[in-house]
Amino acid sequence: MKNSNLSYIGFLLAMSMIGASMGQGDLEFGFYRKTCPSAEAIVRRVVFQAVSSNPGLGAGLVRLLFHDCFVRGCDGSVLIASTPSNPSEQASPINLSLRGFQVIAQAKAQLEAACQGVVSCADIVAFAARDSAFKLGGFNYAVLAGRRDGLVSSSTDPLNNLPQFSFNLAQLESTFAAKGLSSHDMVVLSGAHSIGIAHCSSFINRLYPTVDPTLDPTFASSLLSLCPNATTTNNPTTNQDYRTPNILDNKYYQDILQKRVLLTSDEDLTTSTATLALVNTFATFGGAWINQFTQAMQKMGKIGVLTGTQGEIRKVCSAFN
């Protein structure tokens, strides 16, 4: 892992000093500096330990923030466990493969022991995504905090709010625009597909009944071997980035240009002049993508937040108080 330009402690102190002047609404940097000074350090320690043991959890935690923020805003509603009386967001088909819930739960337990009733689950998700990016990509960024936890989680909401793997460019742009995110933000955030895995069911539409001609033939052959029929009974998985699957970097954009990406939503980033130009830029200049990725993650983390006295601070992230 690359070293940060600032030590983590120095980084938090710097953010604490400028928190008041850089706050956005009721969110601010260093939000817990007085009420739970060790909050971000506790989350980082838990995340680093988990991702060191299983790098796939890092991808899962980044994805968890995305799935939380796009549904009812960044309010931790994705963390609510499903019950017979309340089928939650976790019961939605698009959320069945989400990972990282146990990491959030562990961090919450430690935070409750240190600062009972102070740190929201929604903020833990945002911190954990940042820390996963730091662990797998070597870059750090400050996270605005002060989110409150939502009081609703419904299984019907995710499919109506999240982009799907089969979406074309127009559908992707419309879905992101509905959340206040631009086409530029969409291309930048798609770079998170540099890590993580995908099931055959996510890209089977590009293999059957005929192979998508935009796929590299050799790459397509390897996918056909993995997914030998259209039924995906066992639904195997493969890495989204075949070269550096556990490193959050700009190789994803190089994969796009080489026609070696899995999802329709990835390939379609080449279908407009504007989005293709961004893909080319990020494929060449990894530093430019990192800079813009951190900004886009911060922007996404402000979608539909609850603050002040709205919502609640859950005692356990998987259940309402």
C-alpha atoms as a PDB file:
ATOM      1  CA  MET A   1       0.000   0.000   0.000  1.00  0.00           C
ATOM      2  CA  LYS A   2       1.332   3.435  -0.899  1.00  0.00           C
ATOM      3  CA  ASN A   3       2.043   5.845   1.965  1.00  0.00           C
ATOM      4  CA  SER A   4      -0.279   8.802   2.383  1.00  0.00           C
ATOM      5  CA  ASN A   5       1.274  12.278   2.118  1.00  0.00           C
ATOM      6  CA  LEU A   6       0.009  12.958   5.635  1.00  0.00           C
ATOM      7  CA  SER A   7       0.010  10.560   8.551  1.00  0.00           C
ATOM      8  CA  TYR A   8      -3.500   9.504   9.418  1.00  0.00           C
ATOM      9  CA  ILE A   9      -3.404  11.325  12.747  1.00  0.00           C
ATOM     10  CA  GLY A  10      -2.053  14.465  11.133  1.00  0.00           C
ATOM     11  CA  PHE A  11      -4.677  14.161   8.432  1.00  0.00           C
ATOM     12  CA  LEU A  12      -7.509  14.023  10.990  1.00  0.00           C
ATOM     13  CA  LEU A  13      -6.096  16.967  12.942  1.00  0.00           C
ATOM     14  CA  ALA A  14      -5.854  19.054   9.805  1.00  0.00           C
ATOM     15  CA  MET A  15      -9.422  18.198   8.855  1.00  0.00           C
ATOM     16  CA  SER A  16     -10.598  18.988  12.375  1.00  0.00           C
ATOM     17  CA  MET A  17      -9.113  22.471  12.300  1.00  0.00           C
ATOM     18  CA  ILE A  18     -10.788  23.370   9.014  1.00  0.00           C
ATOM     19  CA  GLY A  19     -14.006  21.438   9.629  1.00  0.00           C
ATOM     20  CA  ALA A  20     -16.103  24.435  10.588  1.00  0.00           C
ATOM     21  CA  SER A  21     -15.156  26.430   7.508  1.00  0.00           C
ATOM     22  CA  MET A  22     -15.537  23.532   5.102  1.00  0.00           C
ATOM     23  CA  GLY A  23     -18.834  22.112   6.352  1.00  0.00           C
ATOM     24  CA  GLN A  24     -21.532  21.421   3.782  1.00  0.00           C
ATOM     25  CA  GLY A  25     -24.948  22.018   5.255  1.00  0.00           C
ATOM     26  CA  ASP A  26     -25.026  20.063   8.491  1.00  0.00           C
ATOM     27  CA  LEU A  27     -22.224  17.766   7.333  1.00  0.00           C
ATOM     28  CA  GLU A  28     -18.670  18.705   8.154  1.00  0.00           C
ATOM     29  CA  PHE A  29     -15.157  17.346   8.220  1.00  0.00           C
ATOM     30  CA  GLY A  30     -14.081  16.190  11.658  1.00  0.00           C
ATOM     31  CA  PHE A  31     -17.693  16.002  12.795  1.00  0.00           C
ATOM     32  CA  TYR A  32     -16.837  13.661  15.711  1.00  0.00           C
ATOM     33  CA  ARG A  33     -13.690  15.477  16.853  1.00  0.00           C
ATOM     34  CA  LYS A  34     -15.297  16.432  20.191  1.00  0.00           C
ATOM     35  CA  THR A  35     -17.958  13.759  20.705  1.00  0.00           C
ATOM     36  CA  CYS A  36     -15.950  10.706  19.605  1.00  0.00           C
ATOM     37  CA  PRO A  37     -12.397  11.699  18.626  1.00  0.00           C
ATOM     38  CA  SER A  38     -11.347   8.136  17.813  1.00  0.00           C
ATOM     39  CA  ALA A  39     -14.349   7.387  15.557  1.00  0.00           C
ATOM     40  CA  GLU A  40     -12.599   7.422  12.180  1.00  0.00           C
ATOM     41  CA  ALA A  41      -9.528   5.647  13.538  1.00  0.00           C
ATOM     42  CA  ILE A  42     -11.700   2.847  14.939  1.00  0.00           C
ATOM     43  CA  VAL A  43     -13.468   2.338  11.605  1.00  0.00           C
ATOM     44  CA  ARG A  44     -10.183   2.405   9.720  1.00  0.00           C
ATOM     45  CA  ARG A  45      -8.625  -0.202  11.986  1.00  0.00           C
ATOM     46  CA  VAL A  46     -11.578  -2.564  11.549  1.00  0.00           C
ATOM     47  CA  VAL A  47     -11.673  -2.072   7.783  1.00  0.00           C
ATOM     48  CA  PHE A  48      -7.937  -2.545   7.299  1.00  0.00           C
ATOM     49  CA  GLN A  49      -8.003  -5.765   9.297  1.00  0.00           C
ATOM     50  CA  ALA A  50     -10.945  -7.141   7.317  1.00  0.00           C
ATOM     51  CA  VAL A  51      -9.618  -6.132   3.891  1.00  0.00           C
ATOM     52  CA  SER A  52      -6.153  -7.490   4.692  1.00  0.00           C
ATOM     53  CA  SER A  53      -7.757 -10.881   5.270  1.00  0.00           C
ATOM     54  CA  ASN A  54     -10.162 -10.641   2.327  1.00  0.00           C
ATOM     55  CA  PRO A  55      -9.533  -7.921  -0.293  1.00  0.00           C
ATOM     56  CA  GLY A  56     -12.949  -8.621  -1.783  1.00  0.00           C
ATOM     57  CA  LEU A  57     -14.516  -7.010   1.266  1.00  0.00           C
ATOM     58  CA  GLY A  58     -12.930  -3.706   0.231  1.00  0.00           C
ATOM     59  CA  ALA A  59     -14.794  -3.790  -3.062  1.00  0.00           C
ATOM     60  CA  GLY A  60     -17.926  -4.759  -1.168  1.00  0.00           C
ATOM     61  CA  LEU A  61     -17.651  -1.784   1.178  1.00  0.00           C
ATOM     62  CA  VAL A  62     -17.204   0.692  -1.682  1.00  0.00           C
ATOM     63  CA  ARG A  63     -20.240  -0.811  -3.389  1.00  0.00           C
ATOM     64  CA  LEU A  64     -22.200  -0.673  -0.137  1.00  0.00           C
ATOM     65  CA  LEU A  65     -21.906   3.134  -0.041  1.00  0.00           C
ATOM     66  CA  PHE A  66     -23.124   3.366  -3.632  1.00  0.00           C
ATOM     67  CA  HIS A  67     -26.139   1.152  -2.955  1.00  0.00           C
ATOM     68  CA  ASP A  68     -26.929   3.049   0.232  1.00  0.00           C
ATOM     69  CA  CYS A  69     -26.736   6.552  -1.225  1.00  0.00           C
ATOM     70  CA  PHE A  70     -28.742   5.839  -4.380  1.00  0.00           C
ATOM     71  CA  VAL A  71     -31.710   4.543  -2.352  1.00  0.00           C
ATOM     72  CA  ARG A  72     -33.288   7.092   0.012  1.00  0.00           C
ATOM     73  CA  GLY A  73     -29.961   8.907   0.275  1.00  0.00           C
ATOM     74  CA  CYS A  74     -26.929   8.046   2.393  1.00  0.00           C
ATOM     75  CA  ASP A  75     -28.900   7.001   5.470  1.00  0.00           C
ATOM     76  CA  GLY A  76     -27.741   3.466   6.256  1.00  0.00           C
ATOM     77  CA  SER A  77     -31.054   2.002   5.071  1.00  0.00           C
ATOM     78  CA  VAL A  78     -29.186  -0.692   3.135  1.00  0.00           C
ATOM     79  CA  LEU A  79     -27.911  -2.100   6.431  1.00  0.00           C
ATOM     80  CA  ILE A  80     -31.330  -3.032   7.830  1.00  0.00           C
ATOM     81  CA  ALA A  81     -31.777  -6.796   7.983  1.00  0.00           C
ATOM     82  CA  SER A  82     -34.821  -8.152   6.196  1.00  0.00           C
ATOM     83  CA  THR A  83     -37.628  -9.691   8.240  1.00  0.00           C
ATOM     84  CA  PRO A  84     -40.957 -11.323   7.289  1.00  0.00           C
ATOM     85  CA  SER A  85     -42.812  -8.212   8.421  1.00  0.00           C
ATOM     86  CA  ASN A  86     -40.366  -5.806   6.796  1.00  0.00           C
ATOM     87  CA  PRO A  87     -38.631  -7.026   3.612  1.00  0.00           C
ATOM     88  CA  SER A  88     -35.768  -4.530   3.564  1.00  0.00           C
ATOM     89  CA  GLU A  89     -33.473  -3.286   0.809  1.00  0.00           C
ATOM     90  CA  GLN A  90     -31.295  -6.330   1.405  1.00  0.00           C
ATOM     91  CA  ALA A  91     -34.108  -8.529   0.046  1.00  0.00           C
ATOM     92  CA  SER A  92     -34.092  -6.801  -3.335  1.00  0.00           C
ATOM     93  CA  PRO A  93     -32.618  -8.975  -6.128  1.00  0.00           C
ATOM     94  CA  ILE A  94     -30.106  -6.258  -6.997  1.00  0.00           C
ATOM     95  CA  ASN A  95     -28.754  -6.310  -3.419  1.00  0.00           C
ATOM     96  CA  LEU A  96     -28.456 -10.046  -2.789  1.00  0.00           C
ATOM     97  CA  SER A  97     -24.732 -10.076  -3.578  1.00  0.00           C
ATOM     98  CA  LEU A  98     -23.803  -7.137  -1.323  1.00  0.00           C
ATOM     99  CA  ARG A  99     -20.910  -7.773   1.053  1.00  0.00           C
ATOM    100  CA  GLY A 100     -19.348  -6.077   4.056  1.00  0.00           C
ATOM    101  CA  PHE A 101     -22.254  -5.969   6.494  1.00  0.00           C
ATOM    102  CA  GLN A 102     -20.248  -7.815   9.140  1.00  0.00           C
ATOM    103  CA  VAL A 103     -17.435  -5.244   8.880  1.00  0.00           C
ATOM    104  CA  ILE A 104     -19.885  -2.401   9.495  1.00  0.00           C
ATOM    105  CA  ALA A 105     -21.381  -4.318  12.429  1.00  0.00           C
ATOM    106  CA  GLN A 106     -17.959  -4.880  13.980  1.00  0.00           C
ATOM    107  CA  ALA A 107     -17.020  -1.227  13.621  1.00  0.00           C
ATOM    108  CA  LYS A 108     -20.350  -0.171  15.134  1.00  0.00           C
ATOM    109  CA  ALA A 109     -19.862  -2.468  18.138  1.00  0.00           C
ATOM    110  CA  GLN A 110     -16.454  -0.957  18.840  1.00  0.00           C
ATOM    111  CA  LEU A 111     -17.784   2.569  18.411  1.00  0.00           C
ATOM    112  CA  GLU A 112     -20.646   1.886  20.799  1.00  0.00           C
ATOM    113  CA  ALA A 113     -18.148   0.654  23.373  1.00  0.00           C
ATOM    114  CA  ALA A 114     -16.074   3.820  22.946  1.00  0.00           C
ATOM    115  CA  CYS A 115     -18.802   6.433  22.380  1.00  0.00           C
ATOM    116  CA  GLN A 116     -22.279   5.065  22.982  1.00  0.00           C
ATOM    117  CA  GLY A 117     -25.055   6.470  20.816  1.00  0.00           C
ATOM    118  CA  VAL A 118     -22.863   8.952  18.952  1.00  0.00           C
ATOM    119  CA  VAL A 119     -21.696   7.648  15.555  1.00  0.00           C
ATOM    120  CA  SER A 120     -24.325   6.865  12.932  1.00  0.00           C
ATOM    121  CA  CYS A 121     -24.300   3.751  10.797  1.00  0.00           C
ATOM    122  CA  ALA A 122     -24.610   5.954   7.714  1.00  0.00           C
ATOM    123  CA  ASP A 123     -21.327   7.669   8.579  1.00  0.00           C
ATOM    124  CA  ILE A 124     -19.662   4.314   9.246  1.00  0.00           C
ATOM    125  CA  VAL A 125     -20.550   3.223   5.704  1.00  0.00           C
ATOM    126  CA  ALA A 126     -19.013   6.413   4.288  1.00  0.00           C
ATOM    127  CA  PHE A 127     -15.838   6.048   6.377  1.00  0.00           C
ATOM    128  CA  ALA A 128     -15.520   2.351   5.481  1.00  0.00           C
ATOM    129  CA  ALA A 129     -15.758   3.061   1.745  1.00  0.00           C
ATOM    130  CA  ARG A 130     -13.024   5.680   2.030  1.00  0.00           C
ATOM    131  CA  ASP A 131     -10.815   3.377   4.077  1.00  0.00           C
ATOM    132  CA  SER A 132     -11.306   0.546   1.597  1.00  0.00           C
ATOM    133  CA  ALA A 133     -10.216   2.843  -1.234  1.00  0.00           C
ATOM    134  CA  PHE A 134      -7.176   3.814   0.818  1.00  0.00           C
ATOM    135  CA  LYS A 135      -6.286   0.202   1.561  1.00  0.00           C
ATOM    136  CA  LEU A 136      -6.734  -1.042  -2.022  1.00  0.00           C
ATOM    137  CA  GLY A 137      -5.738   2.096  -3.940  1.00  0.00           C
ATOM    138  CA  GLY A 138      -3.272   3.863  -1.672  1.00  0.00           C
ATOM    139  CA  PHE A 139      -5.082   7.216  -1.774  1.00  0.00           C
ATOM    140  CA  ASN A 140      -6.777   9.003   1.076  1.00  0.00           C
ATOM    141  CA  TYR A 141      -9.478  11.663   1.233  1.00  0.00           C
ATOM    142  CA  ALA A 142     -11.516  13.468   3.847  1.00  0.00           C
ATOM    143  CA  VAL A 143     -15.132  12.446   4.486  1.00  0.00           C
ATOM    144  CA  LEU A 144     -17.883  14.846   5.489  1.00  0.00           C
ATOM    145  CA  ALA A 145     -19.846  13.402   8.407  1.00  0.00           C
ATOM    146  CA  GLY A 146     -22.908  14.131  10.483  1.00  0.00           C
ATOM    147  CA  ARG A 147     -25.368  11.850   8.699  1.00  0.00           C
ATOM    148  CA  ARG A 148     -28.245  10.366  10.658  1.00  0.00           C
ATOM    149  CA  ASP A 149     -29.734   6.912  10.165  1.00  0.00           C
ATOM    150  CA  GLY A 150     -32.957   6.470   8.216  1.00  0.00           C
ATOM    151  CA  LEU A 151     -36.188   4.986   9.507  1.00  0.00           C
ATOM    152  CA  VAL A 152     -37.334   3.207   6.344  1.00  0.00           C
ATOM    153  CA  SER A 153     -35.875   0.317   4.337  1.00  0.00           C
ATOM    154  CA  SER A 154     -38.033  -1.306   1.653  1.00  0.00           C
ATOM    155  CA  SER A 155     -37.231  -4.128  -0.756  1.00  0.00           C
ATOM    156  CA  THR A 156     -39.089  -2.319  -3.553  1.00  0.00           C
ATOM    157  CA  ASP A 157     -36.830   0.747  -3.565  1.00  0.00           C
ATOM    158  CA  PRO A 158     -33.469  -0.505  -4.937  1.00  0.00           C
ATOM    159  CA  LEU A 159     -34.688  -1.608  -8.380  1.00  0.00           C
ATOM    160  CA  ASN A 160     -36.369   1.767  -8.831  1.00  0.00           C
ATOM    161  CA  ASN A 161     -33.237   3.740  -7.967  1.00  0.00           C
ATOM    162  CA  LEU A 162     -30.074   1.795  -8.763  1.00  0.00           C
ATOM    163  CA  PRO A 163     -28.556   1.456 -12.243  1.00  0.00           C
ATOM    164  CA  GLN A 164     -28.581  -2.086 -13.582  1.00  0.00           C
ATOM    165  CA  PHE A 165     -25.766  -3.945 -15.306  1.00  0.00           C
ATOM    166  CA  SER A 166     -27.692  -4.080 -18.590  1.00  0.00           C
ATOM    167  CA  PHE A 167     -28.352  -0.320 -18.755  1.00  0.00           C
ATOM    168  CA  ASN A 168     -27.241   1.566 -21.833  1.00  0.00           C
ATOM    169  CA  LEU A 169     -25.581   4.976 -21.625  1.00  0.00           C
ATOM    170  CA  ALA A 170     -28.801   7.000 -21.762  1.00  0.00           C
ATOM    171  CA  GLN A 171     -30.326   4.954 -18.942  1.00  0.00           C
ATOM    172  CA  LEU A 172     -27.171   5.307 -16.856  1.00  0.00           C
ATOM    173  CA  GLU A 173     -27.051   9.057 -17.337  1.00  0.00           C
ATOM    174  CA  SER A 174     -30.713   9.387 -16.410  1.00  0.00           C
ATOM    175  CA  THR A 175     -30.271   7.327 -13.226  1.00  0.00           C
ATOM    176  CA  PHE A 176     -27.264   9.340 -12.089  1.00  0.00           C
ATOM    177  CA  ALA A 177     -28.895  12.663 -12.994  1.00  0.00           C
ATOM    178  CA  ALA A 178     -31.840  11.757 -10.760  1.00  0.00           C
ATOM    179  CA  LYS A 179     -29.378  11.719  -7.855  1.00  0.00           C
ATOM    180  CA  GLY A 180     -27.750  15.017  -8.773  1.00  0.00           C
ATOM    181  CA  LEU A 181     -24.718  13.380 -10.373  1.00  0.00           C
ATOM    182  CA  SER A 182     -23.445  14.290 -13.831  1.00  0.00           C
ATOM    183  CA  SER A 183     -22.379  12.087 -16.703  1.00  0.00           C
ATOM    184  CA  HIS A 184     -18.820  13.009 -15.763  1.00  0.00           C
ATOM    185  CA  ASP A 185     -19.408  11.781 -12.192  1.00  0.00           C
ATOM    186  CA  MET A 186     -20.847   8.558 -13.599  1.00  0.00           C
ATOM    187  CA  VAL A 187     -17.730   7.790 -15.656  1.00  0.00           C
ATOM    188  CA  VAL A 188     -15.478   8.611 -12.702  1.00  0.00           C
ATOM    189  CA  LEU A 189     -17.405   6.484 -10.204  1.00  0.00           C
ATOM    190  CA  SER A 190     -17.553   3.576 -12.654  1.00  0.00           C
ATOM    191  CA  GLY A 191     -13.831   3.233 -12.022  1.00  0.00           C
ATOM    192  CA  ALA A 192     -14.730   1.391  -8.825  1.00  0.00           C
ATOM    193  CA  HIS A 193     -15.268  -1.603 -11.136  1.00  0.00           C
ATOM    194  CA  SER A 194     -11.481  -1.890 -11.028  1.00  0.00           C
ATOM    195  CA  ILE A 195     -12.089  -4.076  -7.972  1.00  0.00           C
ATOM    196  CA  GLY A 196     -14.657  -6.695  -7.093  1.00  0.00           C
ATOM    197  CA  ILE A 197     -16.305  -9.586  -8.860  1.00  0.00           C
ATOM    198  CA  ALA A 198     -19.314 -10.149 -11.101  1.00  0.00           C
ATOM    199  CA  HIS A 199     -21.579 -13.172 -11.470  1.00  0.00           C
ATOM    200  CA  CYS A 200     -22.270 -14.731 -14.866  1.00  0.00           C
ATOM    201  CA  SER A 201     -25.850 -13.499 -14.538  1.00  0.00           C
ATOM    202  CA  SER A 202     -24.537  -9.927 -14.676  1.00  0.00           C
ATOM    203  CA  PHE A 203     -23.092 -10.284 -18.162  1.00  0.00           C
ATOM    204  CA  ILE A 204     -24.831 -13.336 -19.611  1.00  0.00           C
ATOM    205  CA  ASN A 205     -26.763 -10.982 -21.908  1.00  0.00           C
ATOM    206  CA  ARG A 206     -23.475 -10.308 -23.725  1.00  0.00           C
ATOM    207  CA  LEU A 207     -22.862 -14.018 -24.387  1.00  0.00           C
ATOM    208  CA  TYR A 208     -26.240 -15.514 -25.284  1.00  0.00           C
ATOM    209  CA  PRO A 209     -27.974 -16.067 -27.620  1.00  0.00           C
ATOM    210  CA  THR A 210     -25.047 -14.565 -29.559  1.00  0.00           C
ATOM    211  CA  VAL A 211     -21.772 -13.071 -28.391  1.00  0.00           C
ATOM    212  CA  ASP A 212     -21.713  -9.279 -28.201  1.00  0.00           C
ATOM    213  CA  PRO A 213     -19.471  -8.172 -31.089  1.00  0.00           C
ATOM    214  CA  THR A 214     -17.987  -5.414 -28.920  1.00  0.00           C
ATOM    215  CA  LEU A 215     -16.273  -8.054 -26.745  1.00  0.00           C
ATOM    216  CA  ASP A 216     -12.678  -8.959 -27.506  1.00  0.00           C
ATOM    217  CA  PRO A 217     -12.927 -12.473 -29.049  1.00  0.00           C
ATOM    218  CA  THR A 218     -10.323 -14.035 -26.760  1.00  0.00           C
ATOM    219  CA  PHE A 219     -11.933 -12.456 -23.710  1.00  0.00           C
ATOM    220  CA  ALA A 220     -15.355 -13.625 -24.880  1.00  0.00           C
ATOM    221  CA  SER A 221     -14.078 -17.191 -25.210  1.00  0.00           C
ATOM    222  CA  SER A 222     -12.849 -17.162 -21.613  1.00  0.00           C
ATOM    223  CA  LEU A 223     -16.245 -15.919 -20.447  1.00  0.00           C
ATOM    224  CA  LEU A 224     -18.040 -18.621 -22.432  1.00  0.00           C
ATOM    225  CA  SER A 225     -15.895 -21.218 -20.689  1.00  0.00           C
ATOM    226  CA  LEU A 226     -16.831 -19.754 -17.329  1.00  0.00           C
ATOM    227  CA  CYS A 227     -20.530 -19.457 -18.212  1.00  0.00           C
ATOM    228  CA  PRO A 228     -21.163 -22.406 -20.581  1.00  0.00           C
ATOM    229  CA  ASN A 229     -24.901 -21.862 -20.931  1.00  0.00           C
ATOM    230  CA  ALA A 230     -27.511 -19.139 -20.585  1.00  0.00           C
ATOM    231  CA  THR A 231     -29.143 -20.565 -17.464  1.00  0.00           C
ATOM    232  CA  THR A 232     -26.276 -19.657 -15.045  1.00  0.00           C
ATOM    233  CA  THR A 233     -27.467 -22.371 -12.652  1.00  0.00           C
ATOM    234  CA  ASN A 234     -24.339 -22.234 -10.508  1.00  0.00           C
ATOM    235  CA  ASN A 235     -23.732 -18.560 -11.360  1.00  0.00           C
ATOM    236  CA  PRO A 236     -19.917 -18.524 -11.113  1.00  0.00           C
ATOM    237  CA  THR A 237     -17.993 -15.295 -10.537  1.00  0.00           C
ATOM    238  CA  THR A 238     -15.004 -13.656 -12.156  1.00  0.00           C
ATOM    239  CA  ASN A 239     -12.902 -10.598 -11.368  1.00  0.00           C
ATOM    240  CA  GLN A 240     -14.122  -7.377 -12.938  1.00  0.00           C
ATOM    241  CA  ASP A 241     -10.525  -6.328 -13.657  1.00  0.00           C
ATOM    242  CA  TYR A 242      -8.588  -9.359 -14.806  1.00  0.00           C
ATOM    243  CA  ARG A 243      -5.139  -7.752 -14.422  1.00  0.00           C
ATOM    244  CA  THR A 244      -5.081  -6.050 -11.010  1.00  0.00           C
ATOM    245  CA  PRO A 245      -8.277  -7.358  -9.375  1.00  0.00           C
ATOM    246  CA  ASN A 246      -7.375  -6.271  -5.844  1.00  0.00           C
ATOM    247  CA  ILE A 247      -5.956  -2.832  -6.654  1.00  0.00           C
ATOM    248  CA  LEU A 248      -8.193   0.200  -7.093  1.00  0.00           C
ATOM    249  CA  ASP A 249      -6.549   1.834 -10.090  1.00  0.00           C
ATOM    250  CA  ASN A 250      -7.190   3.086 -13.627  1.00  0.00           C
ATOM    251  CA  LYS A 251      -6.746  -0.299 -15.317  1.00  0.00           C
ATOM    252  CA  TYR A 252     -10.537  -0.507 -15.650  1.00  0.00           C
ATOM    253  CA  TYR A 253     -10.457   2.249 -18.244  1.00  0.00           C
ATOM    254  CA  GLN A 254      -7.697   0.471 -20.152  1.00  0.00           C
ATOM    255  CA  ASP A 255      -9.834  -2.665 -20.066  1.00  0.00           C
ATOM    256  CA  ILE A 256     -12.713  -0.715 -21.629  1.00  0.00           C
ATOM    257  CA  LEU A 257     -10.542   0.413 -24.523  1.00  0.00           C
ATOM    258  CA  GLN A 258      -9.344  -3.162 -25.023  1.00  0.00           C
ATOM    259  CA  LYS A 259     -12.972  -4.391 -25.029  1.00  0.00           C
ATOM    260  CA  ARG A 260     -12.299  -6.566 -21.989  1.00  0.00           C
ATOM    261  CA  VAL A 261     -14.981  -5.410 -19.564  1.00  0.00           C
ATOM    262  CA  LEU A 262     -17.854  -7.518 -18.351  1.00  0.00           C
ATOM    263  CA  LEU A 263     -20.935  -5.343 -18.169  1.00  0.00           C
ATOM    264  CA  THR A 264     -23.015  -3.628 -20.821  1.00  0.00           C
ATOM    265  CA  SER A 265     -22.946  -0.537 -18.615  1.00  0.00           C
ATOM    266  CA  ASP A 266     -19.127  -0.552 -18.789  1.00  0.00           C
ATOM    267  CA  GLU A 267     -18.860  -1.044 -22.541  1.00  0.00           C
ATOM    268  CA  ASP A 268     -21.434   1.653 -23.235  1.00  0.00           C
ATOM    269  CA  LEU A 269     -19.123   4.319 -21.811  1.00  0.00           C
ATOM    270  CA  THR A 270     -17.497   4.276 -25.257  1.00  0.00           C
ATOM    271  CA  THR A 271     -20.707   5.115 -27.121  1.00  0.00           C
ATOM    272  CA  SER A 272     -20.600   8.900 -26.767  1.00  0.00           C
ATOM    273  CA  THR A 273     -17.814  11.306 -27.669  1.00  0.00           C
ATOM    274  CA  ALA A 274     -17.838  12.900 -24.219  1.00  0.00           C
ATOM    275  CA  THR A 275     -17.712   9.716 -22.154  1.00  0.00           C
ATOM    276  CA  LEU A 276     -15.156   8.083 -24.467  1.00  0.00           C
ATOM    277  CA  ALA A 277     -12.909  11.126 -24.065  1.00  0.00           C
ATOM    278  CA  LEU A 278     -13.019  10.675 -20.297  1.00  0.00           C
ATOM    279  CA  VAL A 279     -12.272   6.957 -20.611  1.00  0.00           C
ATOM    280  CA  ASN A 280      -9.225   7.773 -22.739  1.00  0.00           C
ATOM    281  CA  THR A 281      -8.035  10.405 -20.268  1.00  0.00           C
ATOM    282  CA  PHE A 282      -8.368   8.173 -17.228  1.00  0.00           C
ATOM    283  CA  ALA A 283      -6.794   5.205 -19.036  1.00  0.00           C
ATOM    284  CA  THR A 284      -3.704   7.337 -19.605  1.00  0.00           C
ATOM    285  CA  PHE A 285      -3.572   9.497 -16.485  1.00  0.00           C
ATOM    286  CA  GLY A 286      -4.224   7.489 -13.357  1.00  0.00           C
ATOM    287  CA  GLY A 287      -3.558  10.433 -11.069  1.00  0.00           C
ATOM    288  CA  ALA A 288      -6.275  12.472 -12.760  1.00  0.00           C
ATOM    289  CA  TRP A 289      -8.783   9.686 -12.153  1.00  0.00           C
ATOM    290  CA  ILE A 290      -7.807   9.342  -8.476  1.00  0.00           C
ATOM    291  CA  ASN A 291      -8.257  13.064  -7.907  1.00  0.00           C
ATOM    292  CA  GLN A 292     -11.668  13.089  -9.545  1.00  0.00           C
ATOM    293  CA  PHE A 293     -12.749   9.810  -7.939  1.00  0.00           C
ATOM    294  CA  THR A 294     -12.207  11.194  -4.445  1.00  0.00           C
ATOM    295  CA  GLN A 295     -14.248  14.288  -5.342  1.00  0.00           C
ATOM    296  CA  ALA A 296     -17.051  12.196  -6.837  1.00  0.00           C
ATOM    297  CA  MET A 297     -17.164   9.940  -3.767  1.00  0.00           C
ATOM    298  CA  GLN A 298     -17.499  13.017  -1.563  1.00  0.00           C
ATOM    299  CA  LYS A 299     -20.288  14.339  -3.786  1.00  0.00           C
ATOM    300  CA  MET A 300     -22.140  11.015  -3.770  1.00  0.00           C
ATOM    301  CA  GLY A 301     -21.823  10.882   0.009  1.00  0.00           C
ATOM    302  CA  LYS A 302     -24.027  13.980   0.305  1.00  0.00           C
ATOM    303  CA  ILE A 303     -27.044  12.567  -1.547  1.00  0.00           C
ATOM    304  CA  GLY A 304     -30.266  12.892   0.441  1.00  0.00           C
ATOM    305  CA  VAL A 305     -28.616  12.917   3.866  1.00  0.00           C
ATOM    306  CA  LEU A 306     -30.543  13.190   7.126  1.00  0.00           C
ATOM    307  CA  THR A 307     -28.975  15.596   9.628  1.00  0.00           C
ATOM    308  CA  GLY A 308     -29.707  17.418  12.876  1.00  0.00           C
ATOM    309  CA  THR A 309     -32.654  15.750  14.597  1.00  0.00           C
ATOM    310  CA  GLN A 310     -33.833  13.833  11.523  1.00  0.00           C
ATOM    311  CA  GLY A 311     -33.799  10.058  11.660  1.00  0.00           C
ATOM    312  CA  GLU A 312     -31.911   8.422  14.513  1.00  0.00           C
ATOM    313  CA  ILE A 313     -28.552   7.079  15.642  1.00  0.00           C
ATOM    314  CA  ARG A 314     -29.046   3.314  15.636  1.00  0.00           C
ATOM    315  CA  LYS A 315     -27.768   1.176  18.450  1.00  0.00           C
ATOM    316  CA  VAL A 316     -27.253  -1.719  16.019  1.00  0.00           C
ATOM    317  CA  CYS A 317     -26.868  -1.028  12.311  1.00  0.00           C
ATOM    318  CA  SER A 318     -29.027  -3.924  11.180  1.00  0.00           C
ATOM    319  CA  ALA A 319     -32.152  -2.846  13.067  1.00  0.00           C
ATOM    320  CA  PHE A 320     -34.139   0.285  13.796  1.00  0.00           C
ATOM    321  CA  ASN A 321     -34.094   1.419  17.424  1.00  0.00           C
END
